Protein backbone atom coordinates (compact mmCIF):
# COMPACT_ATOMS: atom_id res chain seq x y z
CA MET A 1 -11.46 0.88 -18.63
CA TYR A 2 -9.53 1.12 -14.99
CA ASP A 3 -11.61 2.60 -12.75
CA GLU A 4 -9.94 3.33 -9.24
CA ASP A 5 -13.25 3.74 -7.41
CA HIS A 6 -14.41 0.04 -7.75
CA VAL A 7 -11.18 -1.62 -7.63
CA LEU A 8 -10.64 0.69 -4.23
CA GLN A 9 -13.84 -1.22 -3.37
CA GLN A 10 -13.03 -4.02 -4.17
CA LEU A 11 -9.99 -3.75 -2.28
CA ARG A 12 -11.82 -3.03 1.63
CA CYS A 13 -14.30 -5.40 0.40
CA CYS A 14 -11.76 -8.80 -0.59
CA GLY A 15 -10.00 -7.53 3.10
CA VAL A 16 -7.07 -6.91 1.30
CA PHE A 17 -6.17 -3.55 3.57
CA GLU A 18 -6.84 -4.60 6.46
CA VAL A 19 -4.46 -8.34 5.43
CA PHE A 20 -1.37 -5.14 5.11
CA ARG A 21 -2.60 -3.38 8.44
CA ILE A 22 -1.95 -6.37 10.52
CA SER A 23 0.38 -7.48 9.10
CA ARG A 24 2.39 -4.13 9.21
CA PHE A 25 2.21 -4.41 12.87
CA GLY A 26 2.59 -7.81 12.91
CA TYR A 27 5.59 -10.71 13.18
CA PRO A 28 7.26 -11.49 10.14
CA ALA A 29 9.68 -12.65 11.02
CA ARG A 30 9.75 -16.45 12.12
CA MET A 31 12.75 -18.44 13.81
CA THR A 32 12.69 -21.37 15.41
CA HIS A 33 14.17 -21.35 18.56
CA GLN A 34 16.91 -23.93 17.52
CA LYS A 35 17.56 -21.98 14.35
CA PHE A 36 18.01 -18.96 16.05
CA THR A 37 20.43 -20.07 18.64
CA GLU A 38 22.21 -21.55 15.68
CA ARG A 39 22.97 -18.54 13.93
CA TYR A 40 22.88 -15.50 16.81
CA GLY A 41 23.28 -17.91 20.24
CA SER A 42 27.36 -17.25 19.62
CA LEU A 43 26.91 -13.60 20.19
CA LEU A 44 25.34 -14.83 24.44
CA LEU A 45 28.85 -12.95 26.55
CA GLU A 46 27.93 -16.24 28.94
CA THR A 47 27.41 -19.14 27.26
CA ASN A 48 25.54 -22.45 28.80
CA GLU A 49 25.90 -25.63 26.20
CA SER A 50 23.46 -27.10 28.78
CA GLN A 51 20.57 -24.39 27.90
CA ASP A 52 17.96 -25.50 25.94
CA PRO A 53 17.41 -23.13 22.87
CA LEU A 54 14.31 -21.42 23.92
CA SER A 55 16.53 -20.28 27.07
CA ILE A 56 18.96 -19.48 25.41
CA SER A 57 16.55 -17.34 22.69
CA PHE A 58 15.53 -15.77 25.82
CA ALA A 59 19.13 -14.82 26.50
CA VAL A 60 20.34 -13.30 23.75
CA LEU A 61 17.19 -10.97 23.36
CA LYS A 62 17.76 -9.46 26.56
CA GLN A 63 21.08 -9.16 26.83
CA PHE A 64 21.32 -7.20 23.88
CA ASN A 65 18.04 -5.45 25.20
CA VAL A 66 16.19 -5.59 22.32
CA LEU A 67 12.27 -4.47 23.47
CA PRO A 68 9.12 -6.56 24.90
CA GLU A 69 6.53 -5.51 22.46
CA MET A 70 9.75 -6.44 19.76
CA TYR A 71 8.96 -9.92 19.71
CA GLN A 72 7.35 -12.90 20.28
CA ILE A 73 7.77 -16.03 22.33
CA GLY A 74 6.46 -19.55 21.05
CA TYR A 75 6.93 -22.53 22.75
CA THR A 76 8.83 -23.15 19.12
CA LYS A 77 8.95 -20.10 17.37
CA LEU A 78 10.52 -16.29 18.02
CA TYR A 79 8.11 -13.23 16.42
CA LEU A 80 10.36 -10.97 15.57
CA ARG A 81 8.63 -7.38 14.75
CA ILE A 82 10.24 -5.94 11.33
CA GLY A 83 14.07 -4.65 11.57
CA GLN A 84 15.29 -7.22 14.00
CA ILE A 85 16.79 -9.76 11.91
CA GLY A 86 18.75 -7.24 10.63
CA ALA A 87 20.03 -5.46 14.02
CA PHE A 88 20.92 -9.34 14.94
CA GLU A 89 22.58 -9.63 11.55
CA ASP A 90 24.85 -6.62 11.76
CA ARG A 91 25.84 -7.50 15.68
CA ARG A 92 26.68 -10.63 14.62
CA LYS A 93 28.67 -9.39 12.21
CA GLN A 94 30.42 -7.27 14.56
CA VAL A 95 31.77 -10.41 16.18
CA LEU A 96 32.77 -12.32 13.91
CA PRO A 97 35.87 -9.83 12.81
CA VAL A 98 37.45 -10.58 16.54
CA VAL A 99 37.01 -13.73 16.18
CA ALA A 100 41.14 -14.92 15.71
CA ASP A 101 42.10 -16.15 12.31
CA GLY A 102 40.22 -18.91 11.05
CA GLU A 103 38.87 -20.20 14.59
CA ILE A 104 35.46 -20.81 14.18
CA GLN A 105 32.59 -19.03 15.97
CA GLY A 106 30.15 -21.24 16.45
CA LYS A 107 29.17 -23.40 14.12
CA TYR A 108 30.19 -20.65 11.53
CA THR A 109 33.95 -19.21 10.03
CA ASN A 110 34.55 -15.94 8.63
CA GLU A 111 33.94 -17.00 5.43
CA GLU A 112 30.88 -18.83 5.53
CA ALA A 113 28.87 -16.52 7.25
CA SER A 114 29.44 -13.80 4.56
CA SER A 115 28.41 -16.30 1.62
CA TYR A 116 25.44 -17.28 4.07
CA SER A 117 25.37 -13.10 4.32
CA GLU A 118 25.39 -12.53 0.53
CA SER A 119 23.19 -15.71 -0.32
CA GLY A 120 20.83 -14.11 1.78
CA SER A 121 21.15 -10.25 0.28
CA GLN A 122 20.79 -12.76 -3.03
CA LEU A 123 17.96 -14.13 -2.14
CA LEU A 124 15.71 -11.00 -0.21
CA GLU A 125 16.70 -9.08 -3.91
CA GLN A 126 14.77 -12.24 -5.75
CA LEU A 127 11.89 -12.36 -3.48
CA THR A 128 11.76 -8.57 -4.23
CA ALA A 129 12.07 -9.47 -8.06
CA ILE A 130 9.01 -11.95 -7.71
CA ILE A 131 6.74 -9.78 -5.36
CA ASP A 132 7.43 -6.53 -8.12
CA LEU A 133 6.46 -9.60 -10.78
CA GLN A 134 3.84 -10.67 -9.04
CA SER A 135 1.74 -6.92 -8.17
CA VAL A 136 2.45 -6.40 -11.87
CA ILE A 137 0.91 -8.93 -13.48
CA ARG A 138 -2.45 -9.34 -10.56
CA GLY A 139 -2.87 -5.50 -11.44
CA CYS A 140 -3.05 -6.80 -15.10
CA LEU A 141 -5.66 -9.32 -13.95
CA VAL A 142 -7.39 -6.91 -11.84
CA ARG A 143 -7.50 -4.15 -15.22
CA LYS A 144 -8.71 -7.27 -17.32
CA HIS A 145 -11.42 -7.79 -15.50
CA LEU A 146 -13.00 -5.14 -14.80
CA SER A 147 -12.25 -4.08 -17.91
CA ASN A 148 -14.92 -7.65 -18.79
CA LEU A 149 -17.18 -6.57 -15.90
CA HIS A 150 -17.61 -2.84 -18.20
CA ALA A 151 -18.46 -4.86 -21.18
CA LEU A 152 -20.82 -7.28 -19.73
CA ARG A 153 -22.71 -4.24 -17.68
CA LEU A 154 -22.50 -2.01 -20.95
CA LEU A 155 -24.14 -4.98 -22.92
CA ARG A 156 -26.98 -6.00 -19.99
CA SER A 157 -27.91 -2.20 -20.33
CA ARG A 158 -27.89 -1.75 -24.01
CA LEU A 159 -30.05 -5.18 -23.81
CA ALA A 160 -32.75 -3.53 -21.16
CA VAL A 161 -32.81 -1.10 -23.57
CA SER A 162 -33.63 -2.47 -26.27
CA ARG A 163 -36.38 -4.06 -24.13
CA GLN A 164 -37.64 -1.70 -23.36
CA LYS A 165 -37.43 -0.38 -26.61
CA SER A 166 -39.45 -3.96 -28.18
CA GLU A 167 -42.07 -3.73 -25.40
CA GLY A 168 -42.73 -0.09 -26.73
CA ILE A 169 -43.64 -0.23 -30.10
CA PHE A 170 -45.99 -4.18 -29.34
CA PHE A 171 -47.79 -2.72 -26.58
CA SER A 172 -48.40 0.75 -27.97
């Protein structure tokens, strides 16, 4: 038997709602400065090979006027809010076709970039499917657990009633 009130109470007690709220307001996209630079450093209008990845990351963010509340910069990683990676990928896709035939833009060619983008969307689809499957499995497990708890409570209450009846017979 599925009791919605008990499920909500368990989710609150376990802190699931709080975790969801924090992650929703957090920075789910995390990338090292090195990877960010390799991927999006080619978007810079002025490139300086001698700059470190941290400086290049900051320059890319500044060039595209990314609001400070949309990112956090750490010593080794860049933390971005939801949607920022997609915006950089869109900008990157706009810049790559401008590159002359066969010319390499940064580290990737147009063919590599499109295959990278396709594999990224495939990965996103796979992750979404995995998360959906996990949520169904967890839901089944929670319903089974709640059913077992309900059956245990019924058994305990029946046992208590039978004890009361048996004690009443001996003491009446």
